[in-house]
Protein backbone atom coordinates (compact mmCIF):
# COMPACT_ATOMS: atom_id res chain seq x y z
CA MET A 1 -72.88 5.63 1.38
CA ALA A 2 -69.75 7.67 2.33
CA PHE A 3 -66.47 5.76 2.52
CA VAL A 4 -66.15 7.45 6.84
CA GLU A 5 -70.14 7.79 7.76
CA PRO A 6 -70.50 9.79 11.31
CA VAL A 7 -69.59 7.85 14.30
CA ILE A 8 -68.49 9.21 17.80
CA LEU A 9 -65.65 7.75 19.46
CA ARG A 10 -65.02 6.91 22.67
CA ALA A 11 -62.93 5.76 25.11
CA ASN A 12 -60.42 7.41 28.45
CA GLY A 13 -63.30 9.88 29.04
CA ILE A 14 -62.65 11.69 25.47
CA ALA A 15 -65.48 11.49 23.04
CA LEU A 16 -64.77 12.23 19.09
CA VAL A 17 -68.08 13.90 18.48
CA PRO A 18 -69.04 14.43 14.07
CA LEU A 19 -68.13 18.93 14.34
CA SER A 20 -71.34 20.80 14.00
CA LEU A 21 -71.88 23.93 14.12
CA ASP A 22 -73.20 23.44 17.42
CA HIS A 23 -69.39 23.46 18.35
CA GLU A 24 -68.92 26.68 16.93
CA ALA A 25 -68.46 28.48 20.57
CA GLY A 26 -66.59 25.21 22.16
CA LEU A 27 -64.14 25.62 19.45
CA ARG A 28 -63.96 28.96 19.45
CA ALA A 29 -63.14 28.65 23.41
CA ALA A 30 -60.64 26.00 22.90
CA ALA A 31 -58.66 27.87 20.35
CA ALA A 32 -58.31 30.94 22.48
CA ASP A 33 -56.61 28.42 24.49
CA GLY A 34 -53.16 29.17 24.63
CA GLU A 35 -54.00 31.81 21.11
CA LEU A 36 -52.93 28.91 18.82
CA TRP A 37 -53.81 30.92 15.77
CA LYS A 38 -50.66 32.38 16.57
CA LEU A 39 -48.49 30.00 15.02
CA ARG A 40 -47.31 29.89 11.77
CA VAL A 41 -47.18 26.43 11.29
CA THR A 42 -50.99 25.26 12.43
CA SER A 43 -53.89 25.82 11.00
CA VAL A 44 -55.77 27.09 13.84
CA PRO A 45 -59.21 29.26 12.85
CA GLU A 46 -58.91 33.07 14.28
CA PRO A 47 -61.85 33.36 16.54
CA GLU A 48 -64.20 35.19 13.96
CA GLN A 49 -63.28 32.08 11.04
CA THR A 50 -64.60 29.72 13.15
CA ARG A 51 -67.75 29.22 12.13
CA ALA A 52 -65.98 29.50 8.07
CA TYR A 53 -63.42 26.88 9.56
CA ILE A 54 -66.79 24.44 10.48
CA GLU A 55 -68.27 25.47 7.36
CA THR A 56 -65.30 24.93 5.88
CA ALA A 57 -64.79 20.97 6.74
CA LEU A 58 -68.59 20.61 6.45
CA GLN A 59 -68.55 21.23 2.59
CA MET A 60 -65.38 18.79 2.71
CA ARG A 61 -67.46 16.25 4.32
CA THR A 62 -69.81 16.68 2.06
CA GLU A 63 -67.58 15.96 -0.88
CA GLY A 64 -66.07 13.13 0.63
CA HIS A 65 -62.31 14.09 0.71
CA ARG A 66 -62.53 15.27 4.99
CA PHE A 67 -64.21 14.09 7.91
CA ALA A 68 -63.73 16.74 10.73
CA PHE A 69 -64.56 15.94 14.62
CA ALA A 70 -64.76 17.84 17.67
CA VAL A 71 -62.89 16.84 20.73
CA THR A 72 -64.70 15.85 23.26
CA GLU A 73 -64.23 15.53 26.78
CA GLU A 74 -67.29 13.36 27.78
CA ALA A 75 -68.70 14.27 31.15
CA SER A 76 -68.92 17.68 29.89
CA GLY A 77 -69.41 17.99 26.72
CA LYS A 78 -66.52 20.57 26.63
CA VAL A 79 -64.07 20.81 23.28
CA LEU A 80 -61.26 21.14 23.64
CA GLY A 81 -59.73 20.84 20.03
CA CYS A 82 -60.17 19.29 16.36
CA THR A 83 -58.64 16.26 14.45
CA SER A 84 -59.91 14.81 10.70
CA TYR A 85 -59.78 12.07 8.37
CA HIS A 86 -58.89 13.97 5.12
CA ASP A 87 -57.82 13.00 1.96
CA ILE A 88 -59.70 9.93 1.98
CA ILE A 89 -59.22 7.79 -0.78
CA PRO A 90 -61.45 4.64 -0.85
CA SER A 91 -60.22 3.10 -3.32
CA VAL A 92 -57.23 1.79 -1.97
CA LYS A 93 -58.37 2.37 1.24
CA ARG A 94 -56.20 5.25 2.32
CA VAL A 95 -56.82 7.89 5.16
CA GLU A 96 -54.57 10.10 6.93
CA ILE A 97 -55.41 11.92 10.26
CA GLY A 98 -54.86 15.41 10.71
CA TRP A 99 -55.89 18.67 10.91
CA THR A 100 -55.28 18.02 14.86
CA TRP A 101 -55.46 20.40 17.11
CA TYR A 102 -55.62 21.16 20.73
CA ALA A 103 -56.17 24.35 23.27
CA LYS A 104 -53.26 24.05 25.11
CA SER A 105 -53.97 23.41 28.65
CA THR A 106 -54.80 20.37 26.66
CA GLN A 107 -51.45 19.74 25.35
CA ARG A 108 -48.94 16.98 26.82
CA THR A 109 -51.88 14.92 28.14
CA HIS A 110 -53.13 11.74 27.46
CA VAL A 111 -55.62 13.19 24.85
CA ASN A 112 -54.06 13.67 21.69
CA THR A 113 -52.42 9.09 22.59
CA THR A 114 -56.50 8.53 22.94
CA CYS A 115 -57.63 10.50 20.07
CA LYS A 116 -54.60 8.93 17.39
CA LEU A 117 -55.95 5.11 19.41
CA LEU A 118 -59.43 5.65 18.09
CA MET A 119 -59.26 7.19 15.11
CA MET A 120 -56.09 4.86 13.65
CA GLY A 121 -58.44 1.86 15.41
CA HIS A 122 -61.84 3.02 13.42
CA ALA A 123 -59.66 3.43 10.52
CA PHE A 124 -57.55 -0.13 9.93
CA ASP A 125 -60.29 -2.10 12.42
CA THR A 126 -63.31 -0.40 11.02
CA LEU A 127 -63.01 1.02 8.16
CA GLY A 128 -60.40 -1.57 6.57
CA CYS A 129 -58.26 0.87 5.37
CA HIS A 130 -54.70 -0.29 4.70
CA VAL A 131 -52.73 3.30 5.14
CA VAL A 132 -53.21 5.77 7.35
CA GLY A 133 -51.32 8.92 6.13
CA TRP A 134 -49.77 11.87 7.91
CA ARG A 135 -48.93 15.60 6.59
CA THR A 136 -46.69 18.62 8.60
CA ASP A 137 -45.00 21.41 8.50
CA ASN A 138 -41.80 21.11 7.83
CA TYR A 139 -40.98 23.62 11.56
CA ASN A 140 -43.79 22.04 13.04
CA PHE A 141 -41.08 19.81 14.87
CA ALA A 142 -43.62 19.36 18.02
CA SER A 143 -45.92 17.76 15.78
CA GLN A 144 -43.57 15.25 13.96
CA LYS A 145 -42.38 14.09 17.17
CA ALA A 146 -45.74 13.20 18.06
CA ILE A 147 -46.42 11.42 14.75
CA GLU A 148 -43.02 8.97 15.07
CA ARG A 149 -44.35 8.56 18.86
CA LEU A 150 -47.00 6.45 16.99
CA GLY A 151 -45.40 3.91 15.21
CA ALA A 152 -45.31 5.89 11.75
CA LYS A 153 -42.31 5.96 9.27
CA LYS A 154 -41.53 9.02 7.59
CA ASP A 155 -41.99 8.75 3.90
CA GLY A 156 -40.01 11.81 2.93
CA VAL A 157 -40.69 15.24 1.93
CA ILE A 158 -42.53 17.45 -0.42
CA ARG A 159 -40.63 20.71 -1.39
CA GLY A 160 -42.49 23.95 -1.63
CA HIS A 161 -45.75 22.05 -1.48
CA ALA A 162 -48.44 24.42 0.68
CA LEU A 163 -49.34 28.05 1.65
CA ARG A 164 -48.83 28.88 4.91
CA ARG A 165 -50.96 31.26 6.72
CA ASP A 166 -48.28 34.14 6.92
CA GLY A 167 -47.86 33.54 3.11
CA THR A 168 -44.50 32.16 3.00
CA ILE A 169 -44.42 28.31 1.43
CA ARG A 170 -43.88 25.23 3.45
CA ASP A 171 -42.18 22.09 2.60
CA THR A 172 -44.93 18.97 4.12
CA VAL A 173 -42.84 16.03 5.53
CA MET A 174 -44.98 13.11 4.95
CA TYR A 175 -45.76 10.00 7.78
CA SER A 176 -47.45 6.68 7.35
CA MET A 177 -48.35 3.38 8.47
CA ARG A 178 -49.95 0.76 7.16
CA ALA A 179 -52.73 -2.28 8.57
CA GLY A 180 -49.76 -4.65 9.46
CA GLU A 181 -47.76 -2.22 11.49
CA TRP A 182 -50.75 -1.70 13.77
CA PRO A 183 -50.71 -4.15 15.96
CA GLU A 184 -47.39 -3.53 17.61
CA ALA A 185 -49.06 0.61 17.56
CA LYS A 186 -51.30 -0.12 18.58
CA ALA A 187 -49.54 -1.57 21.58
CA GLN A 188 -47.91 1.32 22.81
CA LEU A 189 -50.04 4.09 22.27
CA LEU A 190 -52.14 1.42 25.19
CA TYR A 191 -48.89 1.56 26.91
CA LEU A 192 -48.25 5.25 26.42
CA LEU A 193 -52.20 5.62 28.08
CA ALA A 194 -51.11 2.56 31.18
CA HIS A 195 -48.23 4.63 32.14
CA HIS A 196 -49.61 8.48 31.75
CA SER A 197 -48.78 10.14 34.73
């Protein structure tokens, strides 16, 4: 049995559905909304690489390293983006949340806060995780701000850690949240959603 089993997570009109090849056209359209693959600090697939992106995610799921979700609008099924549990370590009950991106028209809405609430809740309350982590490019300041807004703590920076799509080598900023910090973070996320304009 895998540590992360297939599940659909729902709240606020958003459904996180296990990523499949059926999401290819929707994922391609979401990435095209803002030409997100042109951002050098993200992992958004180029249109012709969308199928390979999904196939890689499915292979990583089989290997137990990553579980990817299509972020969808529950009523219509429209794909808004993608997010994943990754670097899954069952022995210490730790997952990271990442490979996250949304169509430009979905950014700065309730969608990311809802997705994080669902994923963190599932990780801590259902999977019994002791720690949830995040990592991001040292130049992805928007991502760093969003992670800090969740209540995650900055663990540090791993220098010279990974290649960007343009061939440059990035430093990776690491964050985490422990299970004991989740209740306060959850209350803050619920507050933010209740007061979202």
